[in-house]
Every structure is written in C-alpha cells, then in structure tokens.
Amino acid sequence: MKLIKIEAHGFKSFADPISLKFDGGVIAIVGPNGSGKSNINDAIKW
C-alpha cells in the first residue's frame, strides 16, 4: 500500500479543508509548534 493523498476537513486543527499530496519517496513534515504536524499523523492513523 502507498499513501498518495490526505484530505481533511473539521479534523482536530484542520477546520478548513486541506489536501496533502505525497508524490516523492521521502516526505518530511516540518513547522512550528502548534501548526498541526502531529494531527497529520493522527489523520493517517484514524
């Protein structure tokens, strides 16, 4: 299985719709504290 895209709306800190595409082989999610990095991981697990 290969994850190619995540769409979220109303999930934790993502009140507005988001769409994240995973096109490459290695993906890094970076940002300041409180920007929702862990929530992306939670969306994948959910």
N, C-alpha and C. Protein backbone atom coordinates (compact mmCIF):
# COMPACT_ATOMS: atom_id res chain seq x y z
N MET A 1 0.85 -1.17 0.00
CA MET A 1 0.00 0.00 0.00
C MET A 1 0.89 1.23 0.00
N LYS A 2 0.47 2.24 -0.74
CA LYS A 2 1.22 3.50 -0.81
C LYS A 2 0.25 4.66 -0.58
N LEU A 3 0.58 5.50 0.37
CA LEU A 3 -0.23 6.68 0.66
C LEU A 3 0.10 7.76 -0.36
N ILE A 4 -0.92 8.24 -1.07
CA ILE A 4 -0.67 9.25 -2.09
C ILE A 4 -1.29 10.60 -1.76
N LYS A 5 -2.34 10.62 -0.90
CA LYS A 5 -3.01 11.88 -0.63
C LYS A 5 -3.82 11.79 0.66
N ILE A 6 -3.86 12.90 1.39
CA ILE A 6 -4.72 13.03 2.58
C ILE A 6 -5.59 14.26 2.38
N GLU A 7 -6.87 14.09 2.63
CA GLU A 7 -7.80 15.22 2.66
C GLU A 7 -8.45 15.25 4.03
N ALA A 8 -8.52 16.43 4.63
CA ALA A 8 -9.13 16.56 5.95
C ALA A 8 -9.95 17.84 6.01
N HIS A 9 -11.06 17.76 6.73
CA HIS A 9 -11.91 18.93 6.93
C HIS A 9 -12.62 18.75 8.27
N GLY A 10 -12.39 19.65 9.20
CA GLY A 10 -13.02 19.55 10.51
C GLY A 10 -12.39 18.52 11.41
N PHE A 11 -11.17 18.09 11.11
CA PHE A 11 -10.48 17.11 11.94
C PHE A 11 -9.43 17.82 12.78
N LYS A 12 -9.62 17.81 14.08
CA LYS A 12 -8.71 18.46 15.03
C LYS A 12 -8.45 19.91 14.63
N SER A 13 -7.20 20.25 14.28
CA SER A 13 -6.85 21.65 13.98
C SER A 13 -7.15 22.04 12.53
N PHE A 14 -7.70 21.13 11.73
CA PHE A 14 -7.98 21.43 10.33
C PHE A 14 -9.44 21.81 10.14
N ALA A 15 -9.81 22.99 10.60
CA ALA A 15 -11.19 23.46 10.44
C ALA A 15 -11.50 23.70 8.96
N ASP A 16 -10.55 24.28 8.25
CA ASP A 16 -10.70 24.49 6.81
C ASP A 16 -10.20 23.24 6.08
N PRO A 17 -10.74 22.96 4.89
CA PRO A 17 -10.29 21.78 4.15
C PRO A 17 -8.82 21.88 3.76
N ILE A 18 -8.11 20.74 3.87
CA ILE A 18 -6.72 20.66 3.41
C ILE A 18 -6.58 19.44 2.51
N SER A 19 -5.60 19.48 1.64
CA SER A 19 -5.26 18.35 0.80
C SER A 19 -3.74 18.28 0.72
N LEU A 20 -3.18 17.15 1.15
CA LEU A 20 -1.74 16.94 1.12
C LEU A 20 -1.43 15.81 0.16
N LYS A 21 -0.59 16.07 -0.84
CA LYS A 21 -0.20 15.05 -1.81
C LYS A 21 1.20 14.56 -1.48
N PHE A 22 1.39 13.25 -1.52
CA PHE A 22 2.68 12.63 -1.25
C PHE A 22 3.19 12.04 -2.56
N ASP A 23 3.96 12.84 -3.31
CA ASP A 23 4.42 12.43 -4.64
C ASP A 23 5.78 11.75 -4.63
N GLY A 24 6.66 12.12 -3.70
CA GLY A 24 8.03 11.63 -3.72
C GLY A 24 8.23 10.40 -2.86
N GLY A 25 9.49 10.00 -2.75
CA GLY A 25 9.82 8.82 -1.96
C GLY A 25 9.99 9.13 -0.48
N VAL A 26 10.54 10.29 -0.16
CA VAL A 26 10.77 10.67 1.23
C VAL A 26 10.00 11.95 1.50
N ILE A 27 9.21 11.94 2.57
CA ILE A 27 8.39 13.10 2.92
C ILE A 27 8.78 13.58 4.31
N ALA A 28 8.96 14.88 4.47
CA ALA A 28 9.23 15.48 5.78
C ALA A 28 8.13 16.50 6.07
N ILE A 29 7.56 16.41 7.25
CA ILE A 29 6.54 17.37 7.67
C ILE A 29 7.17 18.25 8.74
N VAL A 30 7.38 19.51 8.42
CA VAL A 30 8.05 20.43 9.33
C VAL A 30 7.18 21.66 9.56
N GLY A 31 7.36 22.30 10.70
CA GLY A 31 6.63 23.51 11.01
C GLY A 31 6.80 23.86 12.47
N PRO A 32 6.35 25.05 12.85
CA PRO A 32 6.48 25.48 14.24
C PRO A 32 5.56 24.69 15.17
N ASN A 33 5.82 24.80 16.46
CA ASN A 33 4.97 24.15 17.45
C ASN A 33 3.53 24.62 17.29
N GLY A 34 2.60 23.68 17.38
CA GLY A 34 1.18 24.02 17.30
C GLY A 34 0.65 24.18 15.89
N SER A 35 1.43 23.80 14.87
CA SER A 35 0.97 24.00 13.49
C SER A 35 0.20 22.81 12.92
N GLY A 36 0.12 21.69 13.66
CA GLY A 36 -0.68 20.56 13.21
C GLY A 36 0.09 19.37 12.67
N LYS A 37 1.40 19.33 12.90
CA LYS A 37 2.20 18.21 12.39
C LYS A 37 1.72 16.88 12.97
N SER A 38 1.49 16.81 14.24
CA SER A 38 1.02 15.57 14.87
C SER A 38 -0.40 15.23 14.43
N ASN A 39 -1.19 16.23 14.12
CA ASN A 39 -2.55 15.98 13.65
C ASN A 39 -2.56 15.32 12.28
N ILE A 40 -1.56 15.58 11.46
CA ILE A 40 -1.44 14.88 10.18
C ILE A 40 -1.21 13.40 10.44
N ASN A 41 -0.33 13.08 11.38
CA ASN A 41 -0.09 11.69 11.75
C ASN A 41 -1.37 11.05 12.31
N ASP A 42 -2.09 11.76 13.14
CA ASP A 42 -3.35 11.25 13.70
C ASP A 42 -4.38 10.99 12.60
N ALA A 43 -4.42 11.84 11.59
CA ALA A 43 -5.35 11.65 10.48
C ALA A 43 -5.02 10.39 9.70
N ILE A 44 -3.73 10.10 9.54
CA ILE A 44 -3.32 8.87 8.85
C ILE A 44 -3.73 7.65 9.67
N LYS A 45 -3.53 7.70 10.97
CA LYS A 45 -3.86 6.56 11.83
C LYS A 45 -5.36 6.36 11.97
N TRP A 46 -6.14 7.43 11.86
CA TRP A 46 -7.58 7.36 12.06
C TRP A 46 -8.22 6.73 10.86
